[in-house]
C-alpha atoms as a PDB file:
ATOM      1  CA  MET A   1     -19.514  14.497 -28.471  1.00  0.00           C
ATOM      2  CA  ASN A   2     -17.775  12.094 -31.053  1.00  0.00           C
ATOM      3  CA  ALA A   3     -16.432   9.040 -29.606  1.00  0.00           C
ATOM      4  CA  ARG A   4     -13.196   9.590 -31.441  1.00  0.00           C
ATOM      5  CA  ILE A   5     -12.588  12.825 -29.408  1.00  0.00           C
ATOM      6  CA  CYS A   6     -11.930  12.620 -25.625  1.00  0.00           C
ATOM      7  CA  PRO A   7     -14.483  14.828 -24.212  1.00  0.00           C
ATOM      8  CA  GLU A   8     -12.256  15.971 -21.601  1.00  0.00           C
ATOM      9  CA  CYS A   9      -9.050  16.985 -23.147  1.00  0.00           C
ATOM     10  CA  GLY A  10     -10.079  17.122 -26.838  1.00  0.00           C
ATOM     11  CA  PHE A  11      -7.462  14.242 -28.024  1.00  0.00           C
ATOM     12  CA  ASP A  12      -8.393  12.869 -31.448  1.00  0.00           C
ATOM     13  CA  TRP A  13      -8.077   9.013 -31.325  1.00  0.00           C
ATOM     14  CA  GLU A  14      -7.344   8.947 -34.961  1.00  0.00           C
ATOM     15  CA  ARG A  15      -4.229  11.081 -34.661  1.00  0.00           C
ATOM     16  CA  SER A  16      -1.760  10.384 -37.439  1.00  0.00           C
ATOM     17  CA  PRO A  17       1.841   9.444 -36.535  1.00  0.00           C
ATOM     18  CA  GLU A  18       3.145  13.026 -37.028  1.00  0.00           C
ATOM     19  CA  GLY A  19       0.311  14.227 -34.794  1.00  0.00           C
ATOM     20  CA  ILE A  20       1.186  11.695 -32.026  1.00  0.00           C
ATOM     21  CA  LEU A  21       4.847  13.162 -32.111  1.00  0.00           C
ATOM     22  CA  VAL A  22       3.397  16.726 -32.118  1.00  0.00           C
ATOM     23  CA  ASP A  23       1.331  15.839 -29.088  1.00  0.00           C
ATOM     24  CA  LEU A  24       4.154  14.027 -27.230  1.00  0.00           C
ATOM     25  CA  ARG A  25       6.730  16.905 -28.026  1.00  0.00           C
ATOM     26  CA  SER A  26       4.120  19.597 -26.748  1.00  0.00           C
ATOM     27  CA  VAL A  27       4.251  18.296 -23.022  1.00  0.00           C
ATOM     28  CA  VAL A  28       6.656  20.404 -20.912  1.00  0.00           C
ATOM     29  CA  PRO A  29       6.936  19.371 -17.058  1.00  0.00           C
ATOM     30  CA  GLN A  30       6.888  22.972 -16.173  1.00  0.00           C
ATOM     31  CA  PHE A  31       3.885  22.739 -13.422  1.00  0.00           C
ATOM     32  CA  VAL A  32       5.900  20.658 -11.077  1.00  0.00           C
ATOM     33  CA  LEU A  33       8.878  23.049 -10.592  1.00  0.00           C
ATOM     34  CA  GLU A  34       6.912  26.234 -11.143  1.00  0.00           C
ATOM     35  CA  ASP A  35       6.093  26.751  -7.453  1.00  0.00           C
ATOM     36  CA  LEU A  36       7.526  23.960  -5.070  1.00  0.00           C
ATOM     37  CA  ARG A  37       5.075  25.145  -2.331  1.00  0.00           C
ATOM     38  CA  ILE A  38       2.041  23.637  -4.161  1.00  0.00           C
ATOM     39  CA  ALA A  39       3.584  20.821  -5.920  1.00  0.00           C
ATOM     40  CA  ARG A  40       2.184  18.359  -3.439  1.00  0.00           C
ATOM     41  CA  VAL A  41      -1.238  19.871  -2.923  1.00  0.00           C
ATOM     42  CA  ARG A  42      -4.325  17.979  -3.798  1.00  0.00           C
ATOM     43  CA  PRO A  43      -6.966  20.246  -4.659  1.00  0.00           C
ATOM     44  CA  THR A  44      -9.505  17.738  -3.332  1.00  0.00           C
ATOM     45  CA  PRO A  45      -8.744  14.355  -1.456  1.00  0.00           C
ATOM     46  CA  GLU A  46      -9.222  12.222  -4.471  1.00  0.00           C
ATOM     47  CA  THR A  47      -7.654  14.482  -6.923  1.00  0.00           C
ATOM     48  CA  TRP A  48      -3.803  14.020  -7.696  1.00  0.00           C
ATOM     49  CA  SER A  49      -1.452  16.829  -6.812  1.00  0.00           C
ATOM     50  CA  ILE A  50       0.641  18.276  -9.614  1.00  0.00           C
ATOM     51  CA  LEU A  51       3.611  16.185  -8.557  1.00  0.00           C
ATOM     52  CA  GLU A  52       1.378  12.846  -8.481  1.00  0.00           C
ATOM     53  CA  TYR A  53       0.087  13.742 -12.151  1.00  0.00           C
ATOM     54  CA  THR A  54       3.659  14.318 -13.282  1.00  0.00           C
ATOM     55  CA  ALA A  55       5.134  11.070 -11.720  1.00  0.00           C
ATOM     56  CA  HIS A  56       2.110   9.106 -13.327  1.00  0.00           C
ATOM     57  CA  LEU A  57       2.653  10.589 -16.656  1.00  0.00           C
ATOM     58  CA  ARG A  58       6.447   9.782 -16.494  1.00  0.00           C
ATOM     59  CA  ASP A  59       5.571   6.290 -15.585  1.00  0.00           C
ATOM     60  CA  ALA A  60       2.824   5.992 -18.026  1.00  0.00           C
ATOM     61  CA  LEU A  61       5.159   6.862 -20.948  1.00  0.00           C
ATOM     62  CA  ALA A  62       7.701   4.430 -19.792  1.00  0.00           C
ATOM     63  CA  PHE A  63       5.092   1.887 -19.659  1.00  0.00           C
ATOM     64  CA  TYR A  64       4.044   2.549 -23.351  1.00  0.00           C
ATOM     65  CA  GLU A  65       7.566   2.790 -24.408  1.00  0.00           C
ATOM     66  CA  GLU A  66       8.236  -0.696 -23.134  1.00  0.00           C
ATOM     67  CA  ARG A  67       5.221  -2.044 -24.791  1.00  0.00           C
ATOM     68  CA  ILE A  68       6.016  -0.538 -28.151  1.00  0.00           C
ATOM     69  CA  ARG A  69       9.594  -1.846 -27.832  1.00  0.00           C
ATOM     70  CA  ARG A  70       8.260  -5.369 -27.144  1.00  0.00           C
ATOM     71  CA  THR A  71       5.799  -5.038 -30.051  1.00  0.00           C
ATOM     72  CA  LEU A  72       8.607  -4.005 -32.300  1.00  0.00           C
ATOM     73  CA  ASP A  73      11.192  -6.538 -31.026  1.00  0.00           C
ATOM     74  CA  GLU A  74       8.911  -9.635 -30.406  1.00  0.00           C
ATOM     75  CA  ASP A  75       6.371 -11.513 -32.806  1.00  0.00           C
ATOM     76  CA  ARG A  76       2.872 -10.616 -31.309  1.00  0.00           C
ATOM     77  CA  PRO A  77       3.826 -10.379 -27.764  1.00  0.00           C
ATOM     78  CA  HIS A  78       1.308 -10.708 -25.047  1.00  0.00           C
ATOM     79  CA  LEU A  79       1.359  -7.605 -22.764  1.00  0.00           C
ATOM     80  CA  GLU A  80       0.420  -7.494 -19.203  1.00  0.00           C
ATOM     81  CA  ALA A  81      -1.779  -4.863 -17.666  1.00  0.00           C
ATOM     82  CA  PHE A  82      -0.803  -2.247 -15.016  1.00  0.00           C
ATOM     83  CA  ASP A  83      -3.005  -0.886 -12.348  1.00  0.00           C
ATOM     84  CA  PHE A  84      -2.214   2.925 -12.698  1.00  0.00           C
ATOM     85  CA  ALA A  85      -5.074   3.517 -10.156  1.00  0.00           C
ATOM     86  CA  ASP A  86      -3.258   2.714  -7.087  1.00  0.00           C
ATOM     87  CA  ALA A  87       0.252   3.533  -8.211  1.00  0.00           C
ATOM     88  CA  ALA A  88       0.282   7.049  -6.909  1.00  0.00           C
ATOM     89  CA  ASP A  89      -0.029   5.951  -3.314  1.00  0.00           C
ATOM     90  CA  ARG A  90       1.822   2.494  -3.759  1.00  0.00           C
ATOM     91  CA  LEU A  91       4.735   4.025  -5.267  1.00  0.00           C
ATOM     92  CA  GLY A  92       4.801   7.324  -3.064  1.00  0.00           C
ATOM     93  CA  TYR A  93       4.403   9.833  -6.017  1.00  0.00           C
ATOM     94  CA  ASN A  94       3.746  12.714  -3.661  1.00  0.00           C
ATOM     95  CA  GLU A  95       6.863  12.121  -1.781  1.00  0.00           C
ATOM     96  CA  GLN A  96       9.206  11.938  -4.771  1.00  0.00           C
ATOM     97  CA  SER A  97      11.437  14.772  -5.643  1.00  0.00           C
ATOM     98  CA  PRO A  98       9.635  17.437  -7.982  1.00  0.00           C
ATOM     99  CA  SER A  99      12.983  18.111  -9.634  1.00  0.00           C
ATOM    100  CA  MET A 100      13.791  14.533 -10.146  1.00  0.00           C
ATOM    101  CA  THR A 101      10.366  13.548 -11.354  1.00  0.00           C
ATOM    102  CA  ALA A 102      10.530  16.512 -13.827  1.00  0.00           C
ATOM    103  CA  ALA A 103      13.830  15.480 -15.155  1.00  0.00           C
ATOM    104  CA  GLU A 104      12.690  11.891 -15.514  1.00  0.00           C
ATOM    105  CA  LEU A 105       9.720  12.882 -17.308  1.00  0.00           C
ATOM    106  CA  ASP A 106      11.623  14.756 -19.769  1.00  0.00           C
ATOM    107  CA  VAL A 107      13.944  11.820 -20.292  1.00  0.00           C
ATOM    108  CA  ARG A 108      10.824   9.589 -21.082  1.00  0.00           C
ATOM    109  CA  LEU A 109       9.374  12.130 -23.177  1.00  0.00           C
ATOM    110  CA  HIS A 110      12.635  12.175 -25.231  1.00  0.00           C
ATOM    111  CA  ALA A 111      12.973   8.375 -25.276  1.00  0.00           C
ATOM    112  CA  ILE A 112       9.471   7.690 -26.681  1.00  0.00           C
ATOM    113  CA  THR A 113       9.539  10.640 -29.253  1.00  0.00           C
ATOM    114  CA  THR A 114      12.847   9.440 -30.407  1.00  0.00           C
ATOM    115  CA  LEU A 115      11.627   5.963 -30.750  1.00  0.00           C
ATOM    116  CA  LEU A 116       8.515   6.815 -32.386  1.00  0.00           C
ATOM    117  CA  ALA A 117      10.085   9.214 -34.902  1.00  0.00           C
ATOM    118  CA  GLY A 118      12.356   6.226 -36.060  1.00  0.00           C
ATOM    119  CA  LEU A 119       9.505   4.104 -37.076  1.00  0.00           C
ATOM    120  CA  SER A 120       8.692   2.915 -40.592  1.00  0.00           C
ATOM    121  CA  GLU A 121       4.999   2.468 -41.692  1.00  0.00           C
ATOM    122  CA  THR A 122       5.377  -1.165 -41.378  1.00  0.00           C
ATOM    123  CA  ASP A 123       6.426  -0.704 -37.822  1.00  0.00           C
ATOM    124  CA  TRP A 124       3.525   1.323 -36.886  1.00  0.00           C
ATOM    125  CA  ASP A 125       1.410  -1.680 -37.878  1.00  0.00           C
ATOM    126  CA  ARG A 126       3.219  -4.389 -35.862  1.00  0.00           C
ATOM    127  CA  VAL A 127       0.632  -6.168 -33.444  1.00  0.00           C
ATOM    128  CA  ALA A 128       0.810  -7.156 -29.822  1.00  0.00           C
ATOM    129  CA  ILE A 129      -1.836  -8.958 -27.802  1.00  0.00           C
ATOM    130  CA  GLY A 130      -3.208  -6.943 -24.844  1.00  0.00           C
ATOM    131  CA  SER A 131      -4.152  -8.480 -21.483  1.00  0.00           C
ATOM    132  CA  ASP A 132      -7.623  -8.489 -22.744  1.00  0.00           C
ATOM    133  CA  GLY A 133      -6.776 -10.711 -25.503  1.00  0.00           C
ATOM    134  CA  ASP A 134      -7.395  -8.113 -28.262  1.00  0.00           C
ATOM    135  CA  ALA A 135      -4.831  -7.313 -30.804  1.00  0.00           C
ATOM    136  CA  ARG A 136      -3.387  -3.796 -30.740  1.00  0.00           C
ATOM    137  CA  THR A 137      -0.764  -2.134 -33.147  1.00  0.00           C
ATOM    138  CA  VAL A 138       2.046   0.196 -32.260  1.00  0.00           C
ATOM    139  CA  ARG A 139      -0.058   2.884 -33.728  1.00  0.00           C
ATOM    140  CA  VAL A 140      -2.780   2.241 -30.900  1.00  0.00           C
ATOM    141  CA  LEU A 141      -0.198   2.061 -28.288  1.00  0.00           C
ATOM    142  CA  ALA A 142       1.347   5.410 -29.423  1.00  0.00           C
ATOM    143  CA  ARG A 143      -2.037   6.940 -29.551  1.00  0.00           C
ATOM    144  CA  ARG A 144      -2.556   5.941 -25.971  1.00  0.00           C
ATOM    145  CA  ALA A 145       0.499   7.147 -25.066  1.00  0.00           C
ATOM    146  CA  ALA A 146      -0.020  10.563 -26.544  1.00  0.00           C
ATOM    147  CA  HIS A 147      -3.620  10.594 -25.067  1.00  0.00           C
ATOM    148  CA  GLU A 148      -1.864  10.021 -21.612  1.00  0.00           C
ATOM    149  CA  ALA A 149       0.328  13.280 -22.387  1.00  0.00           C
ATOM    150  CA  VAL A 150      -2.425  15.436 -23.674  1.00  0.00           C
ATOM    151  CA  HIS A 151      -5.074  14.376 -20.980  1.00  0.00           C
ATOM    152  CA  HIS A 152      -2.661  14.755 -18.182  1.00  0.00           C
ATOM    153  CA  ASN A 153      -1.257  17.954 -19.569  1.00  0.00           C
ATOM    154  CA  HIS A 154      -5.053  19.222 -19.375  1.00  0.00           C
ATOM    155  CA  ASP A 155      -5.325  17.788 -15.785  1.00  0.00           C
ATOM    156  CA  LEU A 156      -2.142  19.431 -14.675  1.00  0.00           C
ATOM    157  CA  ALA A 157      -3.437  22.963 -16.022  1.00  0.00           C
ATOM    158  CA  ALA A 158      -6.728  22.366 -13.975  1.00  0.00           C
ATOM    159  CA  VAL A 159      -5.018  21.425 -10.767  1.00  0.00           C
ATOM    160  CA  HIS A 160      -2.530  24.169 -11.068  1.00  0.00           C
ATOM    161  CA  ALA A 161      -5.069  26.665 -11.521  1.00  0.00           C
ATOM    162  CA  ALA A 162      -7.148  25.009  -8.422  1.00  0.00           C
ATOM    163  CA  VAL A 163      -4.279  25.107  -5.994  1.00  0.00           C
ATOM    164  CA  SER A 164      -2.521  28.451  -7.013  1.00  0.00           C
ATOM    165  CA  SER A 165      -5.539  30.532  -6.553  1.00  0.00           C
END
């Protein structure tokens, strides 16, 4: 499998700005509200529930939106890492309101797509410094956000299939 393509979800890491917007606009927070009886069910102890994936995606998009805004507004800002691995438990994702989480994800999707849709070619090439010291452009940050959306949409479909059968 080509390293440019995510082997799990098929995301293309060379996506154009237009493709990034298509990916982000294709996410619909439907699973979290489809059947509230299964929204909090984990298919295995180590696999997140539909609600946890939805809350994670909401927070990941907010995280990338904030990073992109800083990169656009500041000169080569230094970006701090965030530990997403423990956020589901630490932030109580599975105890959050499914309807509120879905609504907040919708807000985050609208905010990041609106931001990205208004960028010039120069904006896409603005640079920030990651917590590892590497330079990354708005384009790279936007691709990471789009990968979160595509990958977790894939995860949500798999969890939904596992817990609804």
